[in-house]
N, C-alpha and C. Protein backbone atom coordinates (compact mmCIF):
# COMPACT_ATOMS: atom_id res chain seq x y z
N ASN A 1 58.24 88.15 133.62
CA ASN A 1 58.49 89.57 134.26
C ASN A 1 58.29 90.58 133.32
N LYS A 2 58.59 90.29 132.15
CA LYS A 2 58.20 91.70 130.69
C LYS A 2 56.71 91.82 131.00
N VAL A 3 56.02 90.60 131.18
CA VAL A 3 54.14 90.35 131.55
C VAL A 3 53.81 91.34 132.51
N GLU A 4 54.79 91.31 133.34
CA GLU A 4 54.23 92.89 134.93
C GLU A 4 55.08 93.24 134.67
N ASN A 5 56.11 94.26 133.92
CA ASN A 5 56.58 95.41 133.71
C ASN A 5 55.46 96.05 133.15
N ILE A 6 54.62 95.37 131.81
CA ILE A 6 53.66 95.95 130.44
C ILE A 6 52.53 96.15 131.80
N ALA A 7 52.15 95.47 132.70
CA ALA A 7 51.15 95.25 133.12
C ALA A 7 51.11 96.93 134.35
N SER A 8 52.38 96.87 135.22
CA SER A 8 52.42 97.61 135.75
C SER A 8 52.85 98.95 135.22
N SER A 9 53.21 99.29 134.07
CA SER A 9 52.96 100.47 133.41
C SER A 9 51.84 101.11 132.37
N GLN A 10 50.91 99.90 132.07
CA GLN A 10 49.46 100.70 131.84
C GLN A 10 48.96 101.18 133.60
N ASN A 11 49.22 100.30 134.54
CA ASN A 11 48.73 101.46 135.56
C ASN A 11 49.33 102.38 135.61
N THR A 12 50.37 103.33 135.32
CA THR A 12 50.76 104.86 135.53
C THR A 12 49.85 106.12 134.51
N THR A 13 49.59 106.95 135.59
CA THR A 13 49.00 108.24 135.03
C THR A 13 49.62 108.66 133.33
N SER A 14 48.66 109.28 132.74
CA SER A 14 49.23 109.52 131.72
C SER A 14 50.26 111.22 131.89
N GLU A 15 50.20 111.25 132.70
CA GLU A 15 51.55 112.44 133.44
C GLU A 15 52.49 111.74 133.50
N ASN A 16 52.72 110.52 134.41
CA ASN A 16 53.74 110.09 134.44
C ASN A 16 54.71 109.36 132.82
N ILE A 17 53.66 108.74 132.15
CA ILE A 17 54.33 108.66 130.86
C ILE A 17 54.76 109.57 130.53
N GLU A 18 54.36 110.66 130.13
CA GLU A 18 54.22 112.49 129.41
C GLU A 18 55.99 112.48 129.76
N ASN A 19 56.17 112.46 131.22
CA ASN A 19 57.63 112.79 131.76
C ASN A 19 58.70 111.66 131.75
N THR A 20 57.96 110.97 131.64
CA THR A 20 59.45 109.77 131.35
C THR A 20 59.52 109.56 129.77
N GLU A 21 58.42 110.17 128.86
CA GLU A 21 58.95 110.76 126.99
C GLU A 21 60.07 111.59 127.07
N ASN A 22 59.60 112.83 128.31
CA ASN A 22 60.12 113.96 127.88
C ASN A 22 61.83 113.28 128.44
N ASN A 23 62.22 112.25 129.34
CA ASN A 23 63.54 112.71 130.44
C ASN A 23 63.96 111.37 129.41
N ASN A 24 65.27 112.48 128.88
CA ASN A 24 66.51 111.80 128.24
C ASN A 24 67.29 110.87 129.17
N ASN A 25 66.39 109.39 129.65
CA ASN A 25 67.40 108.91 130.64
C ASN A 25 68.08 107.73 129.89
N PRO A 26 69.40 108.13 130.31
CA PRO A 26 70.28 106.50 129.45
C PRO A 26 70.29 105.28 129.79
N GLU A 27 69.60 105.21 130.25
CA GLU A 27 68.97 103.71 130.56
C GLU A 27 67.59 103.20 129.33
N GLN A 28 67.41 104.25 129.04
CA GLN A 28 66.42 104.51 127.66
C GLN A 28 66.90 103.30 126.71
N GLU A 29 65.50 101.90 126.46
CA GLU A 29 66.24 101.01 125.29
C GLU A 29 66.65 102.12 124.28
N GLU A 30 67.26 101.35 123.29
CA GLU A 30 68.19 102.01 122.03
C GLU A 30 66.99 101.92 121.03
N ASN A 31 66.74 102.72 119.97
CA ASN A 31 65.99 102.53 118.50
C ASN A 31 66.71 101.86 117.89
N ILE A 32 66.53 100.73 117.67
CA ILE A 32 66.96 99.85 116.58
C ILE A 32 66.54 98.64 115.42
N ILE A 33 66.43 99.22 114.48
CA ILE A 33 65.32 97.99 113.47
C ILE A 33 65.76 97.24 113.14
N TYR A 34 64.80 96.01 113.71
CA TYR A 34 65.31 94.79 113.83
C TYR A 34 65.05 94.36 112.22
N GLY A 35 65.15 93.50 111.21
CA GLY A 35 64.89 93.24 110.12
C GLY A 35 64.64 94.14 108.83
N THR A 36 65.05 93.60 107.82
CA THR A 36 65.16 95.24 106.77
C THR A 36 63.84 95.55 106.48
N VAL A 37 63.84 96.71 106.31
CA VAL A 37 62.43 97.25 106.63
C VAL A 37 62.85 98.37 105.13
N ILE A 38 61.64 98.10 104.26
CA ILE A 38 61.38 98.38 102.68
C ILE A 38 60.00 99.29 102.95
N LYS A 39 60.61 101.05 102.41
CA LYS A 39 59.59 101.31 102.73
C LYS A 39 59.01 102.39 100.98
N HIS A 40 58.00 102.46 100.30
CA HIS A 40 57.43 102.85 99.67
C HIS A 40 57.04 104.02 99.37
N ILE A 41 56.89 104.84 98.46
CA ILE A 41 55.77 106.35 98.43
C ILE A 41 56.51 107.05 96.58
N ASP A 42 55.16 106.91 96.09
CA ASP A 42 55.18 107.73 94.97
C ASP A 42 56.21 106.27 94.12
N ASN A 43 57.79 107.37 93.97
CA ASN A 43 57.97 106.65 92.75
C ASN A 43 59.79 106.44 93.86
N ALA A 44 59.11 106.58 94.91
CA ALA A 44 60.51 106.79 96.00
C ALA A 44 60.47 105.08 96.74
N THR A 45 61.77 104.68 96.94
CA THR A 45 61.87 103.21 98.02
C THR A 45 63.07 103.82 98.69
N LEU A 46 62.60 103.79 100.56
CA LEU A 46 63.41 104.02 101.20
C LEU A 46 63.97 102.51 101.81
N THR A 47 65.19 101.88 102.27
CA THR A 47 65.27 100.88 102.92
C THR A 47 66.31 101.21 103.51
N ILE A 48 65.69 100.12 104.86
CA ILE A 48 66.87 100.81 106.15
C ILE A 48 67.23 99.05 106.17
N SER A 49 68.40 99.08 107.10
CA SER A 49 69.06 97.91 106.97
C SER A 49 68.84 97.18 108.05
N ASP A 50 68.99 96.19 108.36
CA ASP A 50 68.99 95.27 109.95
C ASP A 50 69.60 95.73 110.84
N GLY A 51 69.40 96.36 112.11
CA GLY A 51 70.45 96.33 113.18
C GLY A 51 70.48 98.03 113.01
N THR A 52 70.04 98.51 111.97
CA THR A 52 70.48 100.13 111.77
C THR A 52 69.70 100.77 113.24
N LYS A 53 70.73 101.88 114.00
CA LYS A 53 70.32 102.27 115.11
C LYS A 53 70.36 103.80 115.00
N ILE A 54 68.70 104.44 115.40
CA ILE A 54 68.38 105.53 115.39
C ILE A 54 68.79 106.63 116.61
N ASN A 55 69.34 107.56 116.37
CA ASN A 55 69.76 108.11 117.72
C ASN A 55 68.75 109.03 118.44
N THR A 56 67.72 108.79 118.62
CA THR A 56 66.13 109.20 119.00
C THR A 56 65.44 108.67 118.41
N GLU A 57 64.38 108.49 119.28
CA GLU A 57 63.04 107.84 119.65
C GLU A 57 62.11 107.86 118.30
N GLY A 58 61.54 107.29 118.04
CA GLY A 58 60.56 107.24 116.76
C GLY A 58 60.69 106.31 115.76
N ASP A 59 59.87 106.52 114.67
CA ASP A 59 60.16 105.23 114.08
C ASP A 59 60.45 106.12 112.02
N VAL A 60 61.20 105.36 111.29
CA VAL A 60 61.69 105.64 110.06
C VAL A 60 60.14 106.13 109.33
N GLN A 61 60.67 107.33 108.73
CA GLN A 61 58.93 107.11 107.42
C GLN A 61 59.92 108.07 106.93
N ILE A 62 58.67 108.77 105.48
CA ILE A 62 58.97 109.26 104.09
C ILE A 62 57.81 109.40 103.35
N LYS A 63 58.13 110.88 103.77
CA LYS A 63 57.21 111.68 103.35
C LYS A 63 57.33 112.34 101.87
N LYS A 64 56.38 112.42 100.71
CA LYS A 64 56.74 113.48 99.91
C LYS A 64 56.19 114.72 99.97
N VAL A 65 57.12 115.69 99.75
CA VAL A 65 56.75 116.88 100.23
C VAL A 65 56.66 118.08 98.98
N GLU A 66 56.82 119.17 98.74
CA GLU A 66 56.30 119.88 97.82
C GLU A 66 57.10 121.27 98.40
N LEU A 67 58.54 121.49 97.45
CA LEU A 67 59.06 122.22 97.98
C LEU A 67 59.29 123.40 96.55
N PRO A 68 59.57 124.89 96.76
CA PRO A 68 60.05 125.01 95.25
C PRO A 68 61.11 124.94 94.85
N ASN A 69 61.35 125.40 93.36
CA ASN A 69 62.44 125.14 92.68
C ASN A 69 63.15 123.67 92.83
N THR A 70 62.44 122.63 93.17
CA THR A 70 62.52 121.49 93.40
C THR A 70 62.12 120.59 91.90
N THR A 71 62.34 119.23 91.39
CA THR A 71 61.51 118.23 90.94
C THR A 71 61.02 117.32 91.56
N ILE A 72 61.62 117.23 92.84
CA ILE A 72 60.56 115.98 93.53
C ILE A 72 61.27 116.26 94.92
N ALA A 73 61.00 116.40 96.41
CA ALA A 73 61.55 116.33 97.53
C ALA A 73 60.18 115.13 98.80
N TYR A 74 62.01 114.90 99.84
CA TYR A 74 60.98 113.99 100.50
C TYR A 74 61.40 114.45 101.81
N TYR A 75 60.45 114.44 103.13
CA TYR A 75 61.02 114.34 104.29
C TYR A 75 61.35 113.19 104.84
N ILE A 76 62.05 112.92 105.36
CA ILE A 76 62.60 111.91 105.87
C ILE A 76 63.06 111.95 107.70
N ALA A 77 61.57 111.25 107.86
CA ALA A 77 61.90 111.36 109.73
C ALA A 77 62.12 110.04 110.82
N PRO A 78 62.54 110.30 111.40
CA PRO A 78 62.18 111.46 112.60
C PRO A 78 62.67 112.10 113.21
N LYS A 79 61.90 113.75 113.29
CA LYS A 79 62.92 115.00 113.70
C LYS A 79 64.68 114.75 114.11
N ASN A 80 65.42 115.16 113.71
CA ASN A 80 66.79 115.23 114.19
C ASN A 80 67.27 114.07 114.13
N ALA A 81 67.23 112.89 113.62
CA ALA A 81 67.70 111.86 113.77
C ALA A 81 68.76 111.37 113.00
N GLU A 82 70.28 110.66 113.64
CA GLU A 82 71.18 110.19 112.56
C GLU A 82 71.24 108.66 112.65
N PHE A 83 71.48 108.09 111.68
CA PHE A 83 71.51 106.46 111.62
C PHE A 83 72.90 105.76 111.34
N SER A 84 72.94 105.24 112.09
CA SER A 84 74.42 104.33 112.41
C SER A 84 74.43 103.70 111.26
N LYS A 85 73.74 103.16 110.18
CA LYS A 85 73.78 102.37 109.20
C LYS A 85 73.29 103.51 107.90
N PRO A 86 73.86 103.84 107.17
CA PRO A 86 73.34 104.55 106.00
C PRO A 86 71.84 104.01 104.89
N LEU A 87 70.91 104.88 105.01
CA LEU A 87 69.30 104.26 104.51
C LEU A 87 69.62 104.55 102.82
N THR A 88 69.39 103.90 102.31
CA THR A 88 68.94 104.15 100.37
C THR A 88 68.19 104.14 100.50
N LEU A 89 67.70 105.26 99.97
CA LEU A 89 66.65 105.99 98.93
C LEU A 89 67.28 105.76 97.23
N GLU A 90 66.28 104.98 96.88
CA GLU A 90 65.88 105.43 96.01
C GLU A 90 65.20 105.53 94.91
N ILE A 91 65.14 106.59 93.57
CA ILE A 91 64.38 106.86 93.32
C ILE A 91 63.77 106.61 91.88
N SER A 92 62.81 106.60 91.20
CA SER A 92 62.23 106.43 89.98
C SER A 92 62.87 107.98 89.13
N LEU A 93 63.63 108.30 88.12
CA LEU A 93 63.18 109.51 87.27
C LEU A 93 63.85 109.74 86.38
N ASN A 94 62.93 109.49 85.18
CA ASN A 94 63.41 109.98 84.11
C ASN A 94 64.15 111.38 83.61
N VAL A 95 65.93 111.52 83.90
CA VAL A 95 66.08 112.85 83.42
C VAL A 95 66.81 113.11 81.83
N PRO A 96 66.17 113.73 81.16
CA PRO A 96 66.47 114.23 80.31
C PRO A 96 67.67 114.59 79.66
N ASP A 97 67.85 114.44 78.95
CA ASP A 97 69.67 113.80 78.00
C ASP A 97 70.06 116.15 78.43
N ASN A 98 69.63 116.47 78.25
CA ASN A 98 69.66 118.37 78.51
C ASN A 98 69.32 118.78 79.48
N LYS A 99 69.30 117.76 80.69
CA LYS A 99 69.20 117.84 82.07
C LYS A 99 70.26 117.86 82.90
N GLU A 100 71.46 118.32 84.18
CA GLU A 100 71.85 117.90 85.25
C GLU A 100 71.09 117.73 86.05
N LEU A 101 71.69 117.36 87.12
CA LEU A 101 71.04 116.53 88.75
C LEU A 101 71.63 117.01 89.56
N LYS A 102 71.01 118.08 90.62
CA LYS A 102 71.58 118.43 91.87
C LYS A 102 70.56 117.59 92.92
N ILE A 103 71.00 116.60 93.67
CA ILE A 103 70.75 116.13 94.75
C ILE A 103 71.00 116.89 96.21
N LEU A 104 69.83 117.62 97.01
CA LEU A 104 70.47 118.84 98.30
C LEU A 104 69.62 117.72 99.27
N TYR A 105 70.49 118.19 100.66
CA TYR A 105 70.02 117.53 102.00
C TYR A 105 70.11 119.29 102.34
N TYR A 106 68.52 119.86 103.45
CA TYR A 106 68.64 120.55 103.59
C TYR A 106 69.77 120.70 105.00
N ASP A 107 70.22 121.61 105.54
CA ASP A 107 71.11 120.87 106.92
C ASP A 107 70.60 122.49 108.06
N GLU A 108 69.46 121.95 109.13
CA GLU A 108 68.39 122.78 109.70
C GLU A 108 69.73 123.39 110.15
N LYS A 109 70.68 122.86 110.92
CA LYS A 109 71.68 124.15 111.70
C LYS A 109 72.71 125.20 111.06
N LEU A 110 72.49 124.61 109.85
CA LEU A 110 73.54 125.65 108.90
C LEU A 110 72.53 126.48 107.77
N LYS A 111 71.08 126.02 108.16
CA LYS A 111 69.97 126.68 107.65
C LYS A 111 70.29 127.01 106.01
N SER A 112 71.05 126.04 105.68
CA SER A 112 71.25 126.05 104.21
C SER A 112 71.12 123.97 103.26
N TRP A 113 71.33 124.51 101.98
CA TRP A 113 71.05 123.42 101.38
C TRP A 113 72.54 122.98 101.02
N LYS A 114 72.82 121.58 101.28
CA LYS A 114 74.00 120.92 100.82
C LYS A 114 73.75 120.01 99.68
N ASN A 115 75.04 120.31 98.50
CA ASN A 115 74.96 118.88 97.68
C ASN A 115 75.09 117.47 98.55
N ILE A 116 74.93 116.67 97.68
CA ILE A 116 75.27 115.22 98.47
C ILE A 116 75.36 114.19 97.06
N PRO A 117 76.23 113.00 97.26
CA PRO A 117 76.65 112.21 96.54
C PRO A 117 75.42 111.25 96.28
N TYR A 118 75.23 111.16 94.93
CA TYR A 118 74.62 110.16 94.21
C TYR A 118 75.14 109.35 93.06
N ILE A 119 74.13 108.31 92.97
CA ILE A 119 74.25 107.91 91.60
C ILE A 119 73.14 107.69 90.96
N TYR A 120 74.05 107.92 89.48
CA TYR A 120 72.25 108.01 88.09
C TYR A 120 72.37 107.06 87.43
N ASP A 121 71.57 105.83 87.59
CA ASP A 121 71.85 104.59 86.55
C ASP A 121 70.74 105.14 85.37
N LYS A 122 70.93 105.64 84.63
CA LYS A 122 70.56 106.08 83.37
C LYS A 122 69.66 104.83 82.52
N ASN A 123 70.46 103.88 82.45
CA ASN A 123 69.77 102.74 81.78
C ASN A 123 67.68 102.23 82.78
N ASN A 124 68.18 102.93 83.97
CA ASN A 124 66.86 102.01 84.82
C ASN A 124 66.01 103.44 84.99
N SER A 125 66.87 104.59 84.65
CA SER A 125 66.18 105.96 85.52
C SER A 125 65.71 105.48 87.05
N GLU A 126 66.96 105.79 87.03
CA GLU A 126 66.91 104.90 88.74
C GLU A 126 68.04 106.37 89.11
N ILE A 127 67.91 107.13 90.59
CA ILE A 127 68.97 107.67 91.14
C ILE A 127 68.82 107.33 93.13
N THR A 128 70.03 106.95 93.63
CA THR A 128 70.41 106.13 94.36
C THR A 128 70.93 107.06 95.09
N MET A 129 70.88 107.08 96.40
CA MET A 129 71.92 107.84 97.82
C MET A 129 71.77 107.09 99.12
N SER A 130 72.64 107.87 99.83
CA SER A 130 72.63 107.06 100.95
C SER A 130 71.88 108.21 101.88
N ILE A 131 71.51 108.13 102.65
CA ILE A 131 70.67 109.15 104.08
C ILE A 131 71.34 108.43 104.97
N THR A 132 71.85 109.78 105.61
CA THR A 132 73.00 109.16 107.20
C THR A 132 71.89 110.06 108.04
N LYS A 133 70.95 111.25 107.83
CA LYS A 133 70.48 112.08 108.83
C LYS A 133 68.94 111.91 107.97
N SER A 134 68.01 112.12 109.32
CA SER A 134 66.99 112.72 109.01
C SER A 134 66.70 114.08 108.37
N GLY A 135 65.57 114.34 107.71
CA GLY A 135 65.81 116.26 107.13
C GLY A 135 64.46 115.90 105.91
N TYR A 136 65.61 116.94 105.37
CA TYR A 136 64.69 117.40 103.74
C TYR A 136 65.70 116.61 102.70
N TYR A 137 65.22 116.35 102.06
CA TYR A 137 65.62 116.07 100.80
C TYR A 137 65.20 116.63 99.07
N ALA A 138 65.99 117.38 98.64
CA ALA A 138 65.20 117.24 97.08
C ALA A 138 65.99 116.82 95.61
N ILE A 139 65.63 117.09 94.90
CA ILE A 139 66.44 116.72 93.60
C ILE A 139 65.95 117.94 92.54
N LYS A 140 67.04 118.50 92.27
CA LYS A 140 66.66 119.92 91.41
C LYS A 140 67.59 119.37 89.63
N GLU A 141 66.90 119.97 89.01
CA GLU A 141 67.25 119.37 87.55
C GLU A 141 67.48 121.07 87.22
N ASN A 142 68.63 120.68 86.62
CA ASN A 142 69.53 122.25 85.83
C ASN A 142 69.17 121.99 84.47
N GLU A 143 69.12 122.65 83.35
CA GLU A 143 69.11 123.00 82.14
C GLU A 143 70.85 123.20 81.71
N ILE A 144 71.20 122.34 81.21
CA ILE A 144 72.82 121.86 80.22
C ILE A 144 72.78 122.97 79.05
N LEU A 145 73.42 124.07 79.33
CA LEU A 145 74.44 124.87 78.29
C LEU A 145 75.30 123.91 77.22
N GLU A 146 74.18 123.73 75.93
CA GLU A 146 74.97 123.21 74.75
C GLU A 146 76.16 124.26 74.43
N ASN A 147 75.87 124.92 74.09
CA ASN A 147 76.83 125.71 73.39
C ASN A 147 77.56 126.17 74.54
N ASN A 148 77.96 126.14 74.98
CA ASN A 148 79.29 126.82 76.36
C ASN A 148 80.58 126.62 75.83
N ASN A 149 80.67 125.52 74.82
CA ASN A 149 81.97 125.81 74.48
C ASN A 149 82.35 126.90 72.82
N SER A 150 81.07 126.91 72.60
CA SER A 150 81.36 127.59 70.98
C SER A 150 81.13 129.08 71.92
N MET A 151 80.54 129.37 72.95
CA MET A 151 80.35 131.05 73.83
C MET A 151 81.78 131.08 73.70
N PHE A 152 82.26 130.05 74.66
CA PHE A 152 83.66 130.72 74.94
C PHE A 152 84.54 131.45 73.81
N GLY A 153 84.24 130.28 72.96
CA GLY A 153 84.93 130.08 71.51
C GLY A 153 84.69 131.56 70.77
N GLU A 154 83.72 131.83 70.65
CA GLU A 154 82.84 133.36 70.05
C GLU A 154 83.59 134.40 71.18
N ILE A 155 83.99 134.14 72.01
CA ILE A 155 84.59 135.09 72.78
C ILE A 155 85.76 135.53 72.72
N VAL A 156 86.19 134.40 72.20
CA VAL A 156 88.16 134.32 72.09
C VAL A 156 88.34 134.93 71.11
N MET A 157 87.04 134.94 70.02
CA MET A 157 87.71 135.39 68.23
C MET A 157 87.19 136.75 68.63
N VAL A 158 86.08 137.11 68.93
CA VAL A 158 86.21 138.58 69.16
C VAL A 158 87.01 139.18 69.73
N THR A 159 87.23 138.88 70.78
CA THR A 159 88.51 139.75 71.83
C THR A 159 89.98 139.67 70.50
N LYS A 160 89.81 138.48 70.00
CA LYS A 160 91.13 138.38 68.57
C LYS A 160 90.99 140.18 67.42
N ILE A 161 90.01 139.86 67.37
CA ILE A 161 89.54 140.74 66.78
C ILE A 161 89.68 142.46 66.79
N VAL A 162 89.33 142.47 67.79
CA VAL A 162 90.08 143.35 68.91
C VAL A 162 90.25 144.23 69.02
N ILE A 163 90.72 143.26 69.26
CA ILE A 163 93.00 143.43 69.57
C ILE A 163 93.15 143.75 68.44
N THR A 164 93.34 143.02 67.51
CA THR A 164 93.98 142.93 66.05
C THR A 164 93.51 144.73 65.55
N THR A 165 92.25 144.67 65.36
CA THR A 165 91.75 146.12 64.85
C THR A 165 92.70 147.29 65.45
N ILE A 166 92.34 147.55 67.49
CA ILE A 166 93.31 148.09 68.03
C ILE A 166 94.83 148.52 67.42
N ILE A 167 95.39 147.21 67.14
CA ILE A 167 97.24 147.46 66.76
C ILE A 167 97.11 147.97 65.62
N LYS A 168 96.47 147.19 64.73
CA LYS A 168 95.87 148.27 63.04
C LYS A 168 96.52 149.60 63.48
N LEU A 169 95.58 149.80 63.94
CA LEU A 169 95.08 151.31 64.17
C LEU A 169 96.11 152.33 65.28
N ILE A 170 96.72 151.74 66.11
CA ILE A 170 98.09 152.32 66.64
C ILE A 170 99.30 152.48 65.48
N ILE A 171 99.39 151.45 64.91
CA ILE A 171 100.28 150.77 63.49
C ILE A 171 100.28 152.74 62.44
N SER A 172 98.65 152.46 62.32
CA SER A 172 98.47 153.53 61.22
C SER A 172 98.93 155.01 61.97
N LYS A 173 98.95 155.21 63.15
CA LYS A 173 98.66 156.32 63.53
C LYS A 173 99.72 157.24 63.80
N LEU A 174 101.12 155.34 64.40
CA LEU A 174 102.60 156.23 64.79
C LEU A 174 103.12 155.67 63.16
N ASN A 175 102.54 155.96 62.47
CA ASN A 175 103.05 155.48 60.74
C ASN A 175 104.98 154.49 60.51
N LEU A 176 104.05 153.17 61.79
CA LEU A 176 104.74 152.54 61.58
C LEU A 176 104.72 151.50 60.18
N ALA A 177 103.68 151.96 59.20
CA ALA A 177 103.42 151.21 58.48
C ALA A 177 104.35 151.26 56.82
């Protein structure tokens, strides 16, 4: 029966095929991943678990992209897809001690970047995150200000000196001393 269906579908015109592809037919077969799929690109590994359902047509793909002000970025397709089981994205990246990481997802509906949770295994220099939607994912490294506490301490110290000096000046002007 399936052979007959394939044979009969091959006899349709390209016009009919295009119309079928664009039709959101509820009887359309679900897009399900069978077997665990692992995709490698550069220093990234995307793992798709067996039985993951994709709410749109198309294969799951990962592509490295260049985005301004990011250390590294990837695009995960198909467009506008949501995954029933989170995909796992692992990226090998050595992060220096003076840097902090931000992992960002571009929300096309809100037209803004959102921070997403991740795990950084410093011993293996590996970042792991769960992916539930297709789109742009980026890693951004920021400098850590090491003297942040001492800067605050200096401000407090200068403030105390200024206040003490003002109080002494007021006392001397009022001849209270």
